Amino acid sequence: MTAKSSQIPPLALFQHCYNGIWYPKVVLSSSIEALRLFEVRPDDVWVTSVPKSGTHWMQEIVSLILNEGYPEKVDRTLLSSCAEMISMEQKFPTEIEDVGKVQLDMSPFLDVIDKAPSPRVIITHLRLTCLPCDMLKKAKAIYCLRNPKDVATSWFNFMSVSDMVTFKWEDSFEQFLQGKMHWGPWPAHVKEFLECRDENNLLIVQYEELLRDPMTGVRKIAEHIGRPLSDEVLERVVMNSTLSKMKETYRKLAEAGRESLTRGPGTNSFLNKGKIGQWKTCFTVAQNEIFDEWYQKEMAGTNFNISFE
């Protein structure tokens, strides 16, 4: 019997609530608590974002910058998991019948990060108020910002391919507007970083701008983390961080037995179409109007323009 023909349990089986925010079960409350006092190093690079905002693209760009543009030189030890998670490089159940039977290592991935050599590229989806108090004073941080319509659509596409739960677009749309998406409400997450956009150690990178002009975007990222690039290396970083090249890199990683670096538990690939405006494939006219009204209300006063096209 396949998972989809089984009695599908509620999504709550795979998530938990901490301080009013929903997280996947692989996120540890203890790690969220520990992160506020986590020891930050001056050469750390923190890649932060709402899920499905270009996180894996950004971590690849940063890693390539640190390794002269060569994917094969990248140490991917810290790229398998967010700081608040357990290690994702292990076998996860792929069918409902196996939930609870597969023994997972629930030790904090934060312990691995703590012992890792510098420079560390640290990935997290947590809100700024959950991150180390001195992160923006001591280290470099990059916030990946993507238009919320495409975030909502990409999140639905990511979740809907799972054999573990049923996931309807209508429900996903409502959850996004209600702030019940994993890692918390999109507006609150974004506004915390926007309020700090004048901090020298924080760079806010818009997904749409980076996609339209990757040469300018990558150069800016490299300069921000203190690794200015020659024209030759810049071109190599841009080339090897394209969607097609990343899919090739991920294919090689999967063939080497490191599938967890390329997808979430099950069949949820981290790389999708990487395009702007995918929301048009899901949103109805009525939903688009509702979303626009919600966005204007939630983001009033931020004085920050996001491209939806």
Protein backbone atom coordinates (compact mmCIF):
# COMPACT_ATOMS: atom_id res chain seq x y z
CA MET A 1 0.00 0.00 0.00
CA THR A 2 1.42 3.39 -0.96
CA ALA A 3 1.40 6.40 1.30
CA LYS A 4 -1.21 8.25 -0.73
CA SER A 5 -3.61 5.31 -0.52
CA SER A 6 -3.18 5.18 3.25
CA GLN A 7 -5.17 7.23 5.68
CA ILE A 8 -3.25 10.50 5.57
CA PRO A 9 -2.63 12.02 9.01
CA PRO A 10 -2.88 15.75 9.64
CA LEU A 11 0.14 17.90 8.85
CA ALA A 12 0.52 18.37 12.61
CA LEU A 13 2.16 14.94 12.70
CA PHE A 14 5.19 16.51 10.99
CA GLN A 15 5.33 19.89 12.72
CA HIS A 16 5.35 21.50 16.15
CA CYS A 17 4.64 24.92 17.56
CA TYR A 18 7.25 26.91 19.48
CA ASN A 19 6.53 30.42 20.81
CA GLY A 20 3.51 30.66 18.54
CA ILE A 21 5.36 29.72 15.33
CA TRP A 22 5.06 26.43 13.47
CA TYR A 23 8.22 24.51 12.57
CA PRO A 24 8.93 21.11 11.01
CA LYS A 25 9.73 18.40 13.55
CA VAL A 26 13.38 18.46 12.40
CA VAL A 27 13.73 21.95 13.91
CA LEU A 28 14.72 21.77 17.57
CA SER A 29 13.28 24.17 20.14
CA SER A 30 16.52 23.75 22.10
CA SER A 31 18.54 24.97 19.11
CA ILE A 32 16.30 28.01 18.66
CA GLU A 33 16.88 28.85 22.32
CA ALA A 34 20.64 28.25 22.08
CA LEU A 35 21.09 30.41 18.99
CA ARG A 36 20.52 33.70 20.80
CA LEU A 37 23.77 33.12 22.72
CA PHE A 38 25.61 31.21 20.00
CA GLU A 39 29.22 32.33 19.52
CA VAL A 40 29.54 34.25 16.26
CA ARG A 41 32.88 34.49 14.46
CA PRO A 42 33.94 37.60 12.52
CA ASP A 43 34.42 35.60 9.30
CA ASP A 44 31.03 33.85 9.45
CA VAL A 45 28.61 34.35 6.57
CA TRP A 46 24.98 33.89 7.63
CA VAL A 47 22.53 33.19 4.79
CA THR A 48 19.05 33.97 6.07
CA SER A 49 15.64 33.80 4.44
CA VAL A 50 12.02 32.77 4.52
CA PRO A 51 11.86 29.24 3.04
CA LYS A 52 11.62 29.11 -0.76
CA SER A 53 13.24 32.51 -1.25
CA GLY A 54 16.40 31.36 -3.01
CA THR A 55 18.25 29.98 0.00
CA HIS A 56 20.04 27.18 -1.84
CA TRP A 57 20.91 29.46 -4.71
CA MET A 58 22.47 31.97 -2.31
CA GLN A 59 24.40 29.36 -0.34
CA GLU A 60 25.81 28.07 -3.63
CA ILE A 61 26.82 31.56 -4.73
CA VAL A 62 28.52 32.32 -1.41
CA SER A 63 30.27 28.94 -1.37
CA LEU A 64 31.49 29.42 -4.94
CA ILE A 65 32.79 32.89 -4.09
CA LEU A 66 34.81 31.36 -1.24
CA ASN A 67 36.17 28.66 -3.57
CA GLU A 68 37.13 30.59 -6.72
CA GLY A 69 33.97 29.47 -8.49
CA TYR A 70 34.70 25.73 -8.45
CA PRO A 71 31.77 23.56 -7.17
CA GLU A 72 34.04 20.56 -6.59
CA LYS A 73 36.11 22.57 -4.09
CA VAL A 74 33.14 23.46 -1.88
CA ASP A 75 33.06 21.86 1.57
CA ARG A 76 29.36 21.11 1.92
CA THR A 77 29.47 19.96 5.54
CA LEU A 78 27.40 22.91 6.75
CA LEU A 79 25.15 23.12 3.69
CA SER A 80 23.00 20.09 4.47
CA SER A 81 20.95 21.65 7.26
CA CYS A 82 19.78 24.91 8.78
CA ALA A 83 21.38 25.88 12.08
CA GLU A 84 18.14 25.20 13.96
CA MET A 85 17.71 21.66 12.61
CA ILE A 86 19.01 18.20 13.26
CA SER A 87 21.38 16.84 10.61
CA MET A 88 19.44 16.17 7.42
CA GLU A 89 22.10 13.82 6.05
CA GLN A 90 20.33 10.66 7.19
CA LYS A 91 17.56 8.37 6.04
CA PHE A 92 14.05 9.75 6.51
CA PRO A 93 10.77 7.83 6.16
CA THR A 94 9.19 8.20 2.74
CA GLU A 95 5.83 6.55 3.49
CA ILE A 96 3.26 6.99 6.22
CA GLU A 97 3.69 3.40 7.38
CA ASP A 98 7.34 4.12 8.23
CA VAL A 99 6.74 7.21 10.36
CA GLY A 100 7.87 6.40 13.88
CA LYS A 101 9.71 3.28 12.74
CA VAL A 102 12.78 4.97 11.30
CA GLN A 103 15.15 5.99 14.07
CA LEU A 104 16.50 9.49 13.48
CA ASP A 105 19.55 11.09 15.04
CA MET A 106 18.01 14.05 16.85
CA SER A 107 21.28 15.65 17.94
CA PRO A 108 21.55 19.37 17.12
CA PHE A 109 23.24 20.33 13.88
CA LEU A 110 24.27 23.44 15.80
CA ASP A 111 26.92 21.27 17.48
CA VAL A 112 28.45 20.54 14.06
CA ILE A 113 28.44 24.23 13.18
CA ASP A 114 30.06 25.12 16.49
CA LYS A 115 33.02 22.82 15.78
CA ALA A 116 33.39 23.60 12.08
CA PRO A 117 36.50 25.42 10.80
CA SER A 118 36.30 28.97 9.51
CA PRO A 119 35.01 30.51 7.37
CA ARG A 120 31.58 29.10 8.08
CA VAL A 121 28.58 29.53 5.78
CA ILE A 122 25.61 29.19 8.11
CA ILE A 123 22.08 28.72 6.77
CA THR A 124 18.93 29.59 8.70
CA HIS A 125 15.25 30.35 8.14
CA LEU A 126 14.79 31.83 11.61
CA ARG A 127 13.58 35.35 12.20
CA LEU A 128 16.20 37.94 13.15
CA THR A 129 14.93 38.08 16.74
CA CYS A 130 15.84 34.38 17.10
CA LEU A 131 19.40 34.73 15.82
CA PRO A 132 22.56 35.57 17.82
CA CYS A 133 22.29 38.96 19.47
CA ASP A 134 25.61 40.14 18.03
CA MET A 135 25.37 38.56 14.57
CA LEU A 136 24.94 41.84 12.70
CA LYS A 137 27.74 43.44 14.71
CA LYS A 138 30.36 40.71 14.28
CA ALA A 139 29.63 38.74 11.09
CA LYS A 140 28.36 39.21 7.55
CA ALA A 141 24.70 38.40 6.90
CA ILE A 142 22.78 38.09 3.64
CA TYR A 143 19.00 38.17 3.60
CA CYS A 144 17.33 36.58 0.57
CA LEU A 145 14.12 38.41 -0.26
CA ARG A 146 11.69 37.09 -2.85
CA ASN A 147 8.27 38.37 -3.80
CA PRO A 148 5.75 36.67 -1.51
CA LYS A 149 3.46 35.45 -4.29
CA ASP A 150 6.26 33.32 -5.70
CA VAL A 151 7.27 32.27 -2.18
CA ALA A 152 3.74 31.03 -1.50
CA THR A 153 3.63 29.22 -4.83
CA SER A 154 7.07 27.65 -4.45
CA TRP A 155 6.21 26.49 -0.92
CA PHE A 156 3.06 24.82 -2.20
CA ASN A 157 4.96 23.14 -5.06
CA PHE A 158 7.61 21.93 -2.63
CA MET A 159 5.10 20.47 -0.20
CA SER A 160 2.61 19.10 -2.71
CA VAL A 161 5.03 16.56 -4.22
CA SER A 162 5.33 14.80 -0.87
CA ASP A 163 3.82 11.34 -0.51
CA MET A 164 3.46 11.97 3.20
CA VAL A 165 0.59 14.46 3.29
CA THR A 166 -2.13 15.84 1.05
CA PHE A 167 -1.67 19.53 0.34
CA LYS A 168 -4.20 21.62 -1.58
CA TRP A 169 -3.38 25.01 -3.07
CA GLU A 170 -6.47 26.63 -1.53
CA ASP A 171 -5.38 25.52 1.95
CA SER A 172 -1.77 26.55 1.34
CA PHE A 173 -2.89 29.99 0.17
CA GLU A 174 -4.95 30.54 3.33
CA GLN A 175 -2.15 29.29 5.59
CA PHE A 176 0.26 31.78 4.03
CA LEU A 177 -2.08 34.72 4.60
CA GLN A 178 -2.79 33.56 8.16
CA GLY A 179 0.92 33.30 9.00
CA LYS A 180 0.78 29.55 9.55
CA MET A 181 3.58 28.75 7.13
CA HIS A 182 6.61 27.07 8.69
CA TRP A 183 9.06 29.50 10.31
CA GLY A 184 6.36 32.07 10.81
CA PRO A 185 4.47 34.86 9.03
CA TRP A 186 6.19 36.23 5.94
CA PRO A 187 5.56 39.94 6.76
CA ALA A 188 6.99 39.76 10.27
CA HIS A 189 10.04 37.81 9.08
CA VAL A 190 10.79 40.28 6.28
CA LYS A 191 10.11 43.45 8.25
CA GLU A 192 12.57 42.51 11.01
CA PHE A 193 15.39 42.44 8.45
CA LEU A 194 14.17 45.47 6.52
CA GLU A 195 14.29 47.50 9.71
CA CYS A 196 18.02 46.70 9.91
CA ARG A 197 18.83 47.28 6.24
CA ASP A 198 21.18 50.18 7.08
CA GLU A 199 23.44 47.90 9.12
CA ASN A 200 26.83 47.63 7.38
CA ASN A 201 27.04 43.86 7.90
CA LEU A 202 23.62 43.09 6.41
CA LEU A 203 23.02 42.81 2.67
CA ILE A 204 19.46 42.36 1.44
CA VAL A 205 19.41 40.63 -1.94
CA GLN A 206 16.22 40.56 -3.96
CA TYR A 207 15.74 37.30 -5.83
CA GLU A 208 14.27 39.03 -8.86
CA GLU A 209 17.13 41.53 -9.21
CA LEU A 210 19.75 38.81 -8.84
CA LEU A 211 18.06 36.71 -11.50
CA ARG A 212 17.86 39.63 -13.93
CA ASP A 213 21.47 40.78 -13.43
CA PRO A 214 23.55 38.01 -11.79
CA MET A 215 26.91 39.62 -12.64
CA THR A 216 26.11 42.79 -10.68
CA GLY A 217 24.45 40.83 -7.88
CA VAL A 218 27.27 38.33 -7.40
CA ARG A 219 29.89 41.09 -7.45
CA LYS A 220 27.96 42.93 -4.73
CA ILE A 221 27.68 39.76 -2.63
CA ALA A 222 31.40 39.05 -2.98
CA GLU A 223 32.34 42.56 -1.94
CA HIS A 224 29.93 42.39 1.00
CA ILE A 225 31.59 39.29 2.45
CA GLY A 226 35.07 40.70 1.88
CA ARG A 227 35.96 38.51 -1.10
CA PRO A 228 36.11 40.78 -4.17
CA LEU A 229 36.44 38.80 -7.39
CA SER A 230 38.49 39.12 -10.55
CA ASP A 231 36.48 39.23 -13.76
CA GLU A 232 37.52 35.64 -14.53
CA VAL A 233 36.38 34.26 -11.18
CA LEU A 234 33.22 36.36 -11.26
CA GLU A 235 32.24 34.83 -14.58
CA ARG A 236 32.94 31.34 -13.23
CA VAL A 237 30.83 31.93 -10.10
CA VAL A 238 27.92 33.25 -12.17
CA MET A 239 28.14 30.35 -14.64
CA ASN A 240 28.31 27.65 -11.96
CA SER A 241 25.41 29.15 -9.99
CA THR A 242 22.95 29.05 -12.88
CA LEU A 243 20.02 26.68 -12.43
CA SER A 244 21.31 24.26 -15.07
CA LYS A 245 24.78 24.12 -13.54
CA MET A 246 23.39 23.72 -10.03
CA LYS A 247 21.20 20.85 -11.20
CA GLU A 248 24.32 19.23 -12.65
CA THR A 249 26.15 19.74 -9.36
CA TYR A 250 23.20 18.33 -7.41
CA ARG A 251 23.00 15.34 -9.75
CA LYS A 252 26.64 14.52 -9.02
CA LEU A 253 26.04 14.91 -5.29
CA ALA A 254 23.05 12.53 -5.48
CA GLU A 255 25.10 10.00 -7.43
CA ALA A 256 27.72 10.22 -4.68
CA GLY A 257 25.10 9.30 -2.09
CA ARG A 258 24.47 12.81 -0.79
CA GLU A 259 20.83 13.19 -1.83
CA SER A 260 20.06 15.13 1.35
CA LEU A 261 21.98 18.08 -0.09
CA THR A 262 19.69 18.16 -3.11
CA ARG A 263 16.20 17.61 -1.68
CA GLY A 264 14.13 17.52 1.47
CA PRO A 265 12.83 14.28 3.01
CA GLY A 266 11.07 12.26 0.34
CA THR A 267 11.06 13.64 -3.19
CA ASN A 268 10.95 17.37 -2.43
CA SER A 269 13.70 18.84 -4.65
CA PHE A 270 15.34 22.05 -3.44
CA LEU A 271 15.64 23.24 -7.03
CA ASN A 272 12.52 23.96 -9.03
CA LYS A 273 12.10 26.26 -12.04
CA GLY A 274 13.88 29.30 -10.62
CA LYS A 275 11.70 31.76 -12.50
CA ILE A 276 9.88 34.99 -11.71
CA GLY A 277 6.09 35.06 -11.85
CA GLN A 278 5.35 31.39 -11.21
CA TRP A 279 2.52 32.55 -8.95
CA LYS A 280 0.44 33.12 -12.07
CA THR A 281 0.14 29.34 -12.48
CA CYS A 282 -1.67 29.01 -9.12
CA PHE A 283 -3.39 32.28 -8.21
CA THR A 284 -6.95 32.88 -9.33
CA VAL A 285 -8.04 36.45 -10.10
CA ALA A 286 -9.91 36.59 -6.79
CA GLN A 287 -6.92 35.24 -4.84
CA ASN A 288 -4.64 37.78 -6.47
CA GLU A 289 -6.92 40.61 -5.39
CA ILE A 290 -7.13 39.26 -1.84
CA PHE A 291 -3.36 38.86 -1.71
CA ASP A 292 -2.70 42.40 -2.99
CA GLU A 293 -4.98 43.86 -0.33
CA TRP A 294 -3.29 41.76 2.36
CA TYR A 295 0.17 42.78 1.17
CA GLN A 296 -0.60 46.49 1.13
CA LYS A 297 -1.95 46.29 4.67
CA GLU A 298 0.88 44.16 6.09
CA MET A 299 3.76 46.03 4.42
CA ALA A 300 2.45 49.58 4.81
CA GLY A 301 5.19 51.96 5.92
CA THR A 302 8.15 49.76 4.99
CA ASN A 303 9.12 51.96 2.01
CA PHE A 304 10.54 48.98 0.16
CA ASN A 305 9.46 48.00 -3.33
CA ILE A 306 9.31 44.33 -4.31
CA SER A 307 8.90 43.29 -7.92
CA PHE A 308 6.08 40.81 -8.57
CA GLU A 309 6.77 40.49 -12.31
